[in-house]
Amino acid sequence: MGRLIGYARVSTGEQDLQPQMDALNKAGCSDADIYTDKASGVRGNRPGLDACVKALEPGDTLMVWRLDRLGRSMPHLVGLVEELLGKGIGFRSLSDGAIDTTTASGELMFNIFSSLAQFERRLIQERTRSGLAAARARGRKGGRRPIPADHPRVLTAKRLHQDRGLSINQICKTLGISRPTFYRYLALPDAAAC
């Protein structure tokens, strides 16, 4: 049997991690195997979670006090747990009793959550599509405004490219643009031709 690895998170420095730590200890996690973060759940940068996921090995079980301590959103949570399951790592939420992917009924519950997350994603996609269609019907066009061929940044990119003194990467870095943007600039007709 693998190790029990815990993850605990609070949103602010004023909140106390100890209740979560105590629950994880009681469930069998040693202090050395509990990773923590003091960060909002919406933040993508959570070093404790990153270190926790990196430490997990096939056969281990990741334990959290509650589901909302782990995921930023239902799709993020489902994606993370599916990734763990794909690596042979179990998942258990202590306060959400039925969610324990190391058991058949717990895996069923997780699959129900996964289906709900997929449903939520589809609803968002449908609302987005219908909103865009309604905007187009009113004459609005989405996307970025096209950059004019005589824009100083376009002219500079073309001049630097023609001079051949800098590599494409150096030009992009100098102008603060990506390679695709650089190539879009090059594809624009010359300002004199407009």
N, C-alpha and C. Protein backbone atom coordinates (compact mmCIF):
# COMPACT_ATOMS: atom_id res chain seq x y z
N MET A 1 0.85 -1.19 0.00
CA MET A 1 0.00 0.00 0.00
C MET A 1 0.88 1.24 0.00
N GLY A 2 0.46 2.27 -0.75
CA GLY A 2 1.21 3.51 -0.87
C GLY A 2 1.04 4.42 0.34
N ARG A 3 1.63 5.56 0.24
CA ARG A 3 1.59 6.55 1.32
C ARG A 3 0.29 7.36 1.27
N LEU A 4 -0.05 7.95 2.39
CA LEU A 4 -1.15 8.90 2.46
C LEU A 4 -0.52 10.28 2.46
N ILE A 5 -0.78 11.06 1.43
CA ILE A 5 -0.21 12.39 1.29
C ILE A 5 -1.35 13.40 1.46
N GLY A 6 -1.15 14.39 2.30
CA GLY A 6 -2.19 15.37 2.56
C GLY A 6 -1.90 16.71 1.94
N TYR A 7 -2.96 17.45 1.64
CA TYR A 7 -2.83 18.82 1.16
C TYR A 7 -3.84 19.67 1.90
N ALA A 8 -3.37 20.80 2.45
CA ALA A 8 -4.23 21.72 3.19
C ALA A 8 -4.00 23.13 2.65
N ARG A 9 -5.08 23.91 2.59
CA ARG A 9 -4.95 25.28 2.09
C ARG A 9 -5.91 26.20 2.81
N VAL A 10 -5.42 27.40 3.13
CA VAL A 10 -6.28 28.48 3.60
C VAL A 10 -6.11 29.64 2.64
N SER A 11 -7.11 30.51 2.57
CA SER A 11 -7.09 31.59 1.59
C SER A 11 -6.25 32.79 2.04
N THR A 12 -6.20 33.04 3.34
CA THR A 12 -5.47 34.21 3.84
C THR A 12 -4.57 33.81 4.99
N GLY A 13 -3.61 34.68 5.30
CA GLY A 13 -2.68 34.43 6.39
C GLY A 13 -3.36 34.44 7.76
N GLU A 14 -4.53 35.10 7.86
CA GLU A 14 -5.24 35.17 9.14
C GLU A 14 -5.95 33.86 9.47
N GLN A 15 -6.23 33.04 8.45
CA GLN A 15 -6.93 31.77 8.68
C GLN A 15 -5.94 30.73 9.22
N ASP A 16 -6.49 29.74 9.91
CA ASP A 16 -5.66 28.74 10.59
C ASP A 16 -5.70 27.40 9.84
N LEU A 17 -4.52 26.89 9.52
CA LEU A 17 -4.40 25.58 8.87
C LEU A 17 -4.60 24.42 9.84
N GLN A 18 -4.49 24.67 11.14
CA GLN A 18 -4.44 23.59 12.11
C GLN A 18 -5.63 22.62 12.08
N PRO A 19 -6.88 23.10 11.94
CA PRO A 19 -8.00 22.13 11.88
C PRO A 19 -7.83 21.13 10.72
N GLN A 20 -7.38 21.62 9.56
CA GLN A 20 -7.17 20.72 8.43
C GLN A 20 -6.03 19.75 8.72
N MET A 21 -4.95 20.29 9.28
CA MET A 21 -3.78 19.45 9.61
C MET A 21 -4.18 18.35 10.59
N ASP A 22 -4.96 18.72 11.62
CA ASP A 22 -5.41 17.74 12.61
C ASP A 22 -6.23 16.64 11.96
N ALA A 23 -7.15 17.03 11.06
CA ALA A 23 -8.00 16.04 10.39
C ALA A 23 -7.16 15.11 9.52
N LEU A 24 -6.17 15.67 8.82
CA LEU A 24 -5.31 14.84 7.96
C LEU A 24 -4.43 13.92 8.80
N ASN A 25 -3.93 14.42 9.94
CA ASN A 25 -3.16 13.57 10.85
C ASN A 25 -4.02 12.41 11.36
N LYS A 26 -5.23 12.73 11.77
CA LYS A 26 -6.15 11.71 12.31
C LYS A 26 -6.46 10.65 11.25
N ALA A 27 -6.49 11.06 9.97
CA ALA A 27 -6.79 10.13 8.88
C ALA A 27 -5.57 9.30 8.48
N GLY A 28 -4.39 9.59 9.06
CA GLY A 28 -3.22 8.76 8.80
C GLY A 28 -2.05 9.44 8.10
N CYS A 29 -2.16 10.73 7.80
CA CYS A 29 -1.04 11.46 7.17
C CYS A 29 -0.06 11.92 8.24
N SER A 30 1.22 11.71 8.00
CA SER A 30 2.23 12.24 8.92
C SER A 30 2.46 13.70 8.58
N ASP A 31 2.95 14.48 9.54
CA ASP A 31 3.22 15.91 9.30
C ASP A 31 4.16 16.10 8.11
N ALA A 32 5.13 15.21 7.95
CA ALA A 32 6.10 15.32 6.86
C ALA A 32 5.45 15.12 5.49
N ASP A 33 4.29 14.47 5.46
CA ASP A 33 3.61 14.19 4.19
C ASP A 33 2.40 15.09 3.96
N ILE A 34 2.36 16.24 4.64
CA ILE A 34 1.27 17.19 4.43
C ILE A 34 1.86 18.46 3.82
N TYR A 35 1.33 18.84 2.68
CA TYR A 35 1.77 20.04 1.97
C TYR A 35 0.72 21.12 2.16
N THR A 36 1.17 22.36 2.29
CA THR A 36 0.24 23.45 2.59
C THR A 36 0.46 24.65 1.69
N ASP A 37 -0.59 25.45 1.57
CA ASP A 37 -0.54 26.74 0.89
C ASP A 37 -1.39 27.73 1.66
N LYS A 38 -0.94 28.98 1.65
CA LYS A 38 -1.77 30.08 2.15
C LYS A 38 -1.99 30.98 0.95
N ALA A 39 -3.00 30.63 0.17
CA ALA A 39 -3.28 31.35 -1.07
C ALA A 39 -4.73 31.14 -1.46
N SER A 40 -5.26 32.09 -2.18
CA SER A 40 -6.63 31.97 -2.67
C SER A 40 -6.74 30.77 -3.60
N GLY A 41 -7.88 30.13 -3.60
CA GLY A 41 -8.09 28.98 -4.47
C GLY A 41 -8.09 29.33 -5.93
N VAL A 42 -8.35 30.61 -6.25
CA VAL A 42 -8.40 31.02 -7.64
C VAL A 42 -7.01 31.23 -8.22
N ARG A 43 -6.03 31.44 -7.37
CA ARG A 43 -4.67 31.66 -7.86
C ARG A 43 -4.12 30.38 -8.47
N GLY A 44 -3.52 30.52 -9.62
CA GLY A 44 -2.93 29.36 -10.28
C GLY A 44 -1.62 28.95 -9.65
N ASN A 45 -0.92 29.89 -9.01
CA ASN A 45 0.39 29.62 -8.45
C ASN A 45 0.25 29.17 -6.99
N ARG A 46 0.32 27.86 -6.80
CA ARG A 46 0.26 27.31 -5.44
C ARG A 46 1.43 26.34 -5.28
N PRO A 47 2.56 26.83 -4.75
CA PRO A 47 3.76 25.99 -4.66
C PRO A 47 3.57 24.73 -3.81
N GLY A 48 2.76 24.82 -2.76
CA GLY A 48 2.51 23.64 -1.92
C GLY A 48 1.81 22.54 -2.70
N LEU A 49 0.82 22.92 -3.51
CA LEU A 49 0.10 21.94 -4.31
C LEU A 49 1.02 21.35 -5.38
N ASP A 50 1.83 22.21 -5.99
CA ASP A 50 2.77 21.73 -7.01
C ASP A 50 3.73 20.70 -6.41
N ALA A 51 4.27 21.00 -5.23
CA ALA A 51 5.21 20.08 -4.56
C ALA A 51 4.49 18.79 -4.16
N CYS A 52 3.24 18.92 -3.73
CA CYS A 52 2.45 17.76 -3.33
C CYS A 52 2.25 16.82 -4.52
N VAL A 53 1.80 17.37 -5.64
CA VAL A 53 1.55 16.55 -6.83
C VAL A 53 2.84 15.89 -7.31
N LYS A 54 3.95 16.62 -7.21
CA LYS A 54 5.25 16.10 -7.64
C LYS A 54 5.69 14.94 -6.74
N ALA A 55 5.32 14.99 -5.45
CA ALA A 55 5.74 13.95 -4.50
C ALA A 55 4.92 12.66 -4.63
N LEU A 56 3.73 12.76 -5.21
CA LEU A 56 2.85 11.60 -5.32
C LEU A 56 3.39 10.56 -6.29
N GLU A 57 3.26 9.30 -5.91
CA GLU A 57 3.71 8.18 -6.73
C GLU A 57 2.56 7.19 -6.88
N PRO A 58 2.59 6.33 -7.91
CA PRO A 58 1.54 5.33 -8.07
C PRO A 58 1.35 4.53 -6.78
N GLY A 59 0.10 4.34 -6.41
CA GLY A 59 -0.22 3.61 -5.18
C GLY A 59 -0.49 4.54 -4.01
N ASP A 60 -0.03 5.81 -4.07
CA ASP A 60 -0.28 6.78 -3.01
C ASP A 60 -1.72 7.26 -3.08
N THR A 61 -2.18 7.90 -2.01
CA THR A 61 -3.50 8.51 -1.98
C THR A 61 -3.36 9.95 -1.52
N LEU A 62 -3.90 10.87 -2.31
CA LEU A 62 -3.93 12.27 -1.93
C LEU A 62 -5.17 12.51 -1.09
N MET A 63 -4.98 13.13 0.07
CA MET A 63 -6.11 13.41 0.95
C MET A 63 -6.24 14.90 1.18
N VAL A 64 -7.48 15.39 1.16
CA VAL A 64 -7.77 16.78 1.48
C VAL A 64 -8.89 16.80 2.50
N TRP A 65 -8.98 17.91 3.22
CA TRP A 65 -10.04 18.04 4.22
C TRP A 65 -11.39 18.19 3.53
N ARG A 66 -11.44 19.07 2.50
CA ARG A 66 -12.66 19.26 1.72
C ARG A 66 -12.27 19.52 0.27
N LEU A 67 -13.16 19.23 -0.65
CA LEU A 67 -12.89 19.42 -2.08
C LEU A 67 -12.45 20.84 -2.43
N ASP A 68 -13.07 21.84 -1.82
CA ASP A 68 -12.77 23.21 -2.18
C ASP A 68 -11.36 23.64 -1.77
N ARG A 69 -10.68 22.83 -0.97
CA ARG A 69 -9.30 23.13 -0.60
C ARG A 69 -8.34 22.81 -1.74
N LEU A 70 -8.77 21.95 -2.65
CA LEU A 70 -7.89 21.48 -3.72
C LEU A 70 -8.08 22.23 -5.02
N GLY A 71 -9.30 22.31 -5.52
CA GLY A 71 -9.53 22.84 -6.86
C GLY A 71 -9.97 24.28 -6.89
N ARG A 72 -9.57 24.99 -7.97
CA ARG A 72 -10.00 26.38 -8.18
C ARG A 72 -11.46 26.42 -8.62
N SER A 73 -11.86 25.38 -9.34
CA SER A 73 -13.22 25.29 -9.87
C SER A 73 -13.50 23.80 -10.07
N MET A 74 -14.73 23.48 -10.35
CA MET A 74 -15.07 22.08 -10.57
C MET A 74 -14.29 21.49 -11.75
N PRO A 75 -14.20 22.19 -12.89
CA PRO A 75 -13.40 21.62 -13.98
C PRO A 75 -11.92 21.43 -13.60
N HIS A 76 -11.35 22.38 -12.85
CA HIS A 76 -9.95 22.24 -12.43
C HIS A 76 -9.80 21.04 -11.50
N LEU A 77 -10.72 20.90 -10.55
CA LEU A 77 -10.68 19.79 -9.60
C LEU A 77 -10.80 18.46 -10.32
N VAL A 78 -11.75 18.36 -11.23
CA VAL A 78 -11.96 17.12 -11.97
C VAL A 78 -10.73 16.78 -12.81
N GLY A 79 -10.18 17.78 -13.48
CA GLY A 79 -8.98 17.56 -14.29
C GLY A 79 -7.81 17.06 -13.46
N LEU A 80 -7.62 17.67 -12.28
CA LEU A 80 -6.52 17.28 -11.41
C LEU A 80 -6.70 15.85 -10.91
N VAL A 81 -7.89 15.52 -10.46
CA VAL A 81 -8.13 14.16 -9.94
C VAL A 81 -8.04 13.13 -11.06
N GLU A 82 -8.54 13.46 -12.25
CA GLU A 82 -8.42 12.52 -13.37
C GLU A 82 -6.96 12.29 -13.71
N GLU A 83 -6.15 13.35 -13.65
CA GLU A 83 -4.71 13.21 -13.89
C GLU A 83 -4.08 12.27 -12.86
N LEU A 84 -4.47 12.42 -11.60
CA LEU A 84 -3.95 11.55 -10.54
C LEU A 84 -4.37 10.10 -10.78
N LEU A 85 -5.65 9.92 -11.10
CA LEU A 85 -6.15 8.56 -11.33
C LEU A 85 -5.42 7.90 -12.48
N GLY A 86 -5.12 8.69 -13.52
CA GLY A 86 -4.38 8.16 -14.67
C GLY A 86 -2.99 7.69 -14.29
N LYS A 87 -2.43 8.24 -13.22
CA LYS A 87 -1.10 7.85 -12.76
C LYS A 87 -1.16 6.78 -11.67
N GLY A 88 -2.37 6.27 -11.39
CA GLY A 88 -2.51 5.24 -10.37
C GLY A 88 -2.48 5.78 -8.95
N ILE A 89 -2.88 7.04 -8.78
CA ILE A 89 -2.90 7.69 -7.46
C ILE A 89 -4.35 7.88 -7.05
N GLY A 90 -4.66 7.49 -5.82
CA GLY A 90 -6.02 7.62 -5.31
C GLY A 90 -6.27 9.02 -4.78
N PHE A 91 -7.54 9.32 -4.53
CA PHE A 91 -7.93 10.63 -3.99
C PHE A 91 -9.02 10.43 -2.96
N ARG A 92 -8.90 11.14 -1.84
CA ARG A 92 -9.92 11.03 -0.79
C ARG A 92 -10.16 12.40 -0.18
N SER A 93 -11.43 12.78 -0.06
CA SER A 93 -11.83 14.01 0.61
C SER A 93 -12.46 13.62 1.93
N LEU A 94 -11.91 14.10 3.03
CA LEU A 94 -12.35 13.65 4.36
C LEU A 94 -13.74 14.14 4.72
N SER A 95 -14.08 15.37 4.39
CA SER A 95 -15.38 15.92 4.79
C SER A 95 -16.48 15.64 3.79
N ASP A 96 -16.11 15.23 2.59
CA ASP A 96 -17.10 14.93 1.56
C ASP A 96 -17.20 13.41 1.44
N GLY A 97 -17.52 12.76 2.53
CA GLY A 97 -17.50 11.33 2.76
C GLY A 97 -17.50 10.36 1.61
N ALA A 98 -18.33 10.57 0.61
CA ALA A 98 -18.46 9.56 -0.43
C ALA A 98 -17.37 9.66 -1.49
N ILE A 99 -16.52 10.66 -1.40
CA ILE A 99 -15.51 10.81 -2.45
C ILE A 99 -14.19 10.21 -1.98
N ASP A 100 -13.99 9.00 -2.41
CA ASP A 100 -12.78 8.24 -2.10
C ASP A 100 -12.55 7.33 -3.29
N THR A 101 -11.68 7.75 -4.20
CA THR A 101 -11.51 6.99 -5.45
C THR A 101 -10.80 5.66 -5.24
N THR A 102 -10.43 5.36 -4.01
CA THR A 102 -9.83 4.05 -3.74
C THR A 102 -10.91 2.99 -3.53
N THR A 103 -12.20 3.43 -3.53
CA THR A 103 -13.32 2.48 -3.40
C THR A 103 -14.20 2.59 -4.64
N ALA A 104 -14.96 1.56 -4.93
CA ALA A 104 -15.83 1.56 -6.11
C ALA A 104 -16.91 2.64 -6.01
N SER A 105 -17.56 2.76 -4.84
CA SER A 105 -18.63 3.77 -4.71
C SER A 105 -18.05 5.18 -4.75
N GLY A 106 -16.87 5.37 -4.20
CA GLY A 106 -16.22 6.68 -4.25
C GLY A 106 -15.85 7.07 -5.67
N GLU A 107 -15.39 6.08 -6.44
CA GLU A 107 -15.05 6.36 -7.83
C GLU A 107 -16.32 6.71 -8.62
N LEU A 108 -17.43 6.03 -8.31
CA LEU A 108 -18.70 6.36 -8.95
C LEU A 108 -19.09 7.81 -8.64
N MET A 109 -18.98 8.21 -7.37
CA MET A 109 -19.32 9.58 -6.99
C MET A 109 -18.44 10.57 -7.74
N PHE A 110 -17.16 10.27 -7.86
CA PHE A 110 -16.27 11.18 -8.57
C PHE A 110 -16.66 11.27 -10.03
N ASN A 111 -17.04 10.14 -10.63
CA ASN A 111 -17.46 10.16 -12.03
C ASN A 111 -18.72 10.99 -12.22
N ILE A 112 -19.60 10.99 -11.23
CA ILE A 112 -20.80 11.84 -11.29
C ILE A 112 -20.37 13.31 -11.27
N PHE A 113 -19.44 13.66 -10.37
CA PHE A 113 -18.92 15.02 -10.32
C PHE A 113 -18.28 15.40 -11.66
N SER A 114 -17.54 14.47 -12.22
CA SER A 114 -16.87 14.69 -13.49
C SER A 114 -17.89 14.98 -14.59
N SER A 115 -18.97 14.21 -14.60
CA SER A 115 -20.03 14.43 -15.59
C SER A 115 -20.68 15.80 -15.40
N LEU A 116 -20.89 16.20 -14.15
CA LEU A 116 -21.47 17.52 -13.88
C LEU A 116 -20.54 18.62 -14.36
N ALA A 117 -19.24 18.45 -14.17
CA ALA A 117 -18.27 19.45 -14.62
C ALA A 117 -18.29 19.54 -16.15
N GLN A 118 -18.38 18.40 -16.81
CA GLN A 118 -18.46 18.38 -18.27
C GLN A 118 -19.72 19.10 -18.73
N PHE A 119 -20.83 18.85 -18.03
CA PHE A 119 -22.10 19.50 -18.34
C PHE A 119 -21.96 21.02 -18.18
N GLU A 120 -21.31 21.45 -17.11
CA GLU A 120 -21.10 22.88 -16.85
C GLU A 120 -20.26 23.50 -17.98
N ARG A 121 -19.20 22.82 -18.42
CA ARG A 121 -18.37 23.32 -19.52
C ARG A 121 -19.20 23.48 -20.79
N ARG A 122 -20.04 22.48 -21.09
CA ARG A 122 -20.87 22.54 -22.30
C ARG A 122 -21.87 23.70 -22.23
N LEU A 123 -22.46 23.92 -21.06
CA LEU A 123 -23.40 25.04 -20.92
C LEU A 123 -22.70 26.37 -21.17
N ILE A 124 -21.49 26.53 -20.64
CA ILE A 124 -20.73 27.76 -20.84
C ILE A 124 -20.42 27.94 -22.32
N GLN A 125 -20.03 26.85 -23.00
CA GLN A 125 -19.74 26.94 -24.43
C GLN A 125 -20.98 27.36 -25.22
N GLU A 126 -22.13 26.76 -24.88
CA GLU A 126 -23.37 27.09 -25.58
C GLU A 126 -23.76 28.55 -25.35
N ARG A 127 -23.64 29.03 -24.10
CA ARG A 127 -23.97 30.43 -23.81
C ARG A 127 -23.03 31.37 -24.56
N THR A 128 -21.76 31.01 -24.62
CA THR A 128 -20.79 31.84 -25.33
C THR A 128 -21.13 31.90 -26.81
N ARG A 129 -21.40 30.74 -27.41
CA ARG A 129 -21.74 30.70 -28.83
C ARG A 129 -23.00 31.52 -29.13
N SER A 130 -24.02 31.38 -28.31
CA SER A 130 -25.27 32.11 -28.57
C SER A 130 -25.06 33.61 -28.35
N GLY A 131 -24.22 33.98 -27.38
CA GLY A 131 -23.91 35.40 -27.17
C GLY A 131 -23.17 36.00 -28.35
N LEU A 132 -22.22 35.25 -28.90
CA LEU A 132 -21.48 35.72 -30.07
C LEU A 132 -22.39 35.85 -31.29
N ALA A 133 -23.28 34.87 -31.46
CA ALA A 133 -24.22 34.91 -32.59
C ALA A 133 -25.15 36.11 -32.46
N ALA A 134 -25.63 36.40 -31.25
CA ALA A 134 -26.51 37.55 -31.03
C ALA A 134 -25.76 38.85 -31.32
N ALA A 135 -24.50 38.92 -30.91
CA ALA A 135 -23.70 40.13 -31.17
C ALA A 135 -23.48 40.31 -32.67
N ARG A 136 -23.18 39.21 -33.39
CA ARG A 136 -23.00 39.30 -34.85
C ARG A 136 -24.29 39.76 -35.53
N ALA A 137 -25.44 39.25 -35.02
CA ALA A 137 -26.72 39.64 -35.61
C ALA A 137 -26.98 41.14 -35.42
N ARG A 138 -26.41 41.74 -34.38
CA ARG A 138 -26.55 43.18 -34.15
C ARG A 138 -25.44 43.97 -34.86
N GLY A 139 -24.62 43.27 -35.65
CA GLY A 139 -23.59 43.96 -36.42
C GLY A 139 -22.25 44.09 -35.73
N ARG A 140 -22.11 43.51 -34.59
CA ARG A 140 -20.83 43.58 -33.88
C ARG A 140 -19.91 42.47 -34.36
N LYS A 141 -18.65 42.79 -34.39
CA LYS A 141 -17.66 41.83 -34.83
C LYS A 141 -16.67 41.62 -33.68
N GLY A 142 -16.40 40.37 -33.33
CA GLY A 142 -15.51 40.10 -32.21
C GLY A 142 -14.05 40.11 -32.61
N GLY A 143 -13.22 39.91 -31.64
CA GLY A 143 -11.78 39.82 -31.88
C GLY A 143 -11.07 41.14 -31.72
N ARG A 144 -9.78 41.09 -31.92
CA ARG A 144 -8.97 42.30 -31.81
C ARG A 144 -9.22 43.21 -33.00
N ARG A 145 -9.00 44.50 -32.76
CA ARG A 145 -9.07 45.43 -33.87
C ARG A 145 -7.84 45.21 -34.73
N PRO A 146 -8.02 45.25 -36.03
CA PRO A 146 -6.85 45.04 -36.89
C PRO A 146 -5.85 46.19 -36.70
N ILE A 147 -4.57 45.84 -36.72
CA ILE A 147 -3.53 46.85 -36.57
C ILE A 147 -3.24 47.43 -37.94
N PRO A 148 -3.16 48.75 -38.04
CA PRO A 148 -2.92 49.35 -39.35
C PRO A 148 -1.50 49.08 -39.84
N ALA A 149 -1.34 49.01 -41.13
CA ALA A 149 -0.03 48.72 -41.73
C ALA A 149 0.98 49.82 -41.44
N ASP A 150 0.50 51.03 -41.13
CA ASP A 150 1.44 52.12 -40.86
C ASP A 150 1.69 52.33 -39.36
N HIS A 151 1.27 51.36 -38.54
CA HIS A 151 1.51 51.45 -37.10
C HIS A 151 3.03 51.39 -36.85
N PRO A 152 3.56 52.23 -35.95
CA PRO A 152 5.01 52.26 -35.72
C PRO A 152 5.62 50.90 -35.39
N ARG A 153 4.91 50.07 -34.65
CA ARG A 153 5.45 48.77 -34.27
C ARG A 153 5.58 47.87 -35.51
N VAL A 154 4.60 47.95 -36.41
CA VAL A 154 4.65 47.16 -37.64
C VAL A 154 5.82 47.62 -38.50
N LEU A 155 5.94 48.93 -38.64
CA LEU A 155 7.02 49.48 -39.46
C LEU A 155 8.39 49.10 -38.88
N THR A 156 8.52 49.16 -37.55
CA THR A 156 9.79 48.81 -36.90
C THR A 156 10.10 47.33 -37.11
N ALA A 157 9.10 46.47 -36.94
CA ALA A 157 9.32 45.03 -37.13
C ALA A 157 9.79 44.75 -38.55
N LYS A 158 9.15 45.37 -39.53
CA LYS A 158 9.53 45.15 -40.92
C LYS A 158 10.94 45.67 -41.20
N ARG A 159 11.26 46.85 -40.65
CA ARG A 159 12.57 47.43 -40.87
C ARG A 159 13.66 46.55 -40.24
N LEU A 160 13.44 46.10 -39.01
CA LEU A 160 14.42 45.25 -38.33
C LEU A 160 14.61 43.94 -39.09
N HIS A 161 13.52 43.41 -39.64
CA HIS A 161 13.60 42.16 -40.39
C HIS A 161 14.38 42.36 -41.68
N GLN A 162 14.16 43.48 -42.35
CA GLN A 162 14.87 43.76 -43.61
C GLN A 162 16.36 44.01 -43.39
N ASP A 163 16.70 44.63 -42.23
CA ASP A 163 18.10 44.92 -41.93
C ASP A 163 18.91 43.66 -41.67
N ARG A 164 18.24 42.59 -41.27
CA ARG A 164 18.86 41.30 -40.98
C ARG A 164 19.94 41.36 -39.89
N GLY A 165 19.90 42.40 -39.06
CA GLY A 165 20.89 42.54 -37.98
C GLY A 165 20.50 41.74 -36.75
N LEU A 166 19.22 41.45 -36.60
CA LEU A 166 18.72 40.72 -35.43
C LEU A 166 17.98 39.47 -35.87
N SER A 167 18.01 38.46 -35.01
CA SER A 167 17.23 37.25 -35.29
C SER A 167 15.75 37.56 -35.03
N ILE A 168 14.89 36.69 -35.50
CA ILE A 168 13.45 36.88 -35.27
C ILE A 168 13.14 36.89 -33.78
N ASN A 169 13.78 35.99 -33.03
CA ASN A 169 13.56 35.97 -31.57
C ASN A 169 13.98 37.29 -30.93
N GLN A 170 15.11 37.85 -31.38
CA GLN A 170 15.58 39.12 -30.82
C GLN A 170 14.63 40.26 -31.18
N ILE A 171 14.11 40.26 -32.40
CA ILE A 171 13.15 41.29 -32.80
C ILE A 171 11.90 41.19 -31.94
N CYS A 172 11.40 39.97 -31.76
CA CYS A 172 10.19 39.76 -30.95
C CYS A 172 10.42 40.24 -29.51
N LYS A 173 11.58 39.91 -28.97
CA LYS A 173 11.88 40.30 -27.59
C LYS A 173 11.99 41.82 -27.49
N THR A 174 12.65 42.45 -28.46
CA THR A 174 12.83 43.91 -28.46
C THR A 174 11.47 44.62 -28.52
N LEU A 175 10.57 44.12 -29.36
CA LEU A 175 9.27 44.76 -29.54
C LEU A 175 8.22 44.28 -28.54
N GLY A 176 8.56 43.21 -27.81
CA GLY A 176 7.59 42.67 -26.84
C GLY A 176 6.40 42.01 -27.52
N ILE A 177 6.67 41.29 -28.60
CA ILE A 177 5.59 40.60 -29.33
C ILE A 177 5.95 39.13 -29.48
N SER A 178 4.95 38.34 -29.82
CA SER A 178 5.18 36.91 -30.04
C SER A 178 5.58 36.68 -31.50
N ARG A 179 6.08 35.49 -31.78
CA ARG A 179 6.44 35.15 -33.17
C ARG A 179 5.23 35.20 -34.10
N PRO A 180 4.07 34.63 -33.69
CA PRO A 180 2.90 34.73 -34.58
C PRO A 180 2.53 36.19 -34.90
N THR A 181 2.62 37.07 -33.89
CA THR A 181 2.31 38.48 -34.11
C THR A 181 3.31 39.07 -35.09
N PHE A 182 4.59 38.73 -34.92
CA PHE A 182 5.64 39.21 -35.83
C PHE A 182 5.30 38.83 -37.28
N TYR A 183 4.92 37.57 -37.49
CA TYR A 183 4.60 37.12 -38.84
C TYR A 183 3.33 37.77 -39.37
N ARG A 184 2.37 38.08 -38.49
CA ARG A 184 1.18 38.82 -38.93
C ARG A 184 1.58 40.21 -39.40
N TYR A 185 2.52 40.83 -38.66
CA TYR A 185 3.01 42.16 -39.06
C TYR A 185 3.65 42.09 -40.44
N LEU A 186 4.48 41.08 -40.67
CA LEU A 186 5.16 40.95 -41.96
C LEU A 186 4.17 40.74 -43.10
N ALA A 187 3.06 40.06 -42.81
CA ALA A 187 2.06 39.75 -43.84
C ALA A 187 1.23 40.97 -44.23
N LEU A 188 1.25 42.03 -43.40
CA LEU A 188 0.47 43.22 -43.72
C LEU A 188 1.08 43.90 -44.96
N PRO A 189 0.24 44.50 -45.81
CA PRO A 189 0.78 45.19 -46.98
C PRO A 189 1.62 46.37 -46.53
N ASP A 190 2.58 46.75 -47.35
CA ASP A 190 3.41 47.90 -47.01
C ASP A 190 2.54 49.14 -46.88
N ALA A 191 2.91 50.02 -45.95
CA ALA A 191 2.13 51.22 -45.69
C ALA A 191 2.01 52.10 -46.92
N ALA A 192 3.05 52.12 -47.75
CA ALA A 192 3.03 52.96 -48.97
C ALA A 192 2.00 52.43 -49.97
N ALA A 193 1.76 51.11 -49.95
CA ALA A 193 0.81 50.50 -50.90
C ALA A 193 -0.64 50.73 -50.50
N CYS A 194 -0.87 51.12 -49.25
CA CYS A 194 -2.25 51.31 -48.76
C CYS A 194 -2.83 52.62 -49.19
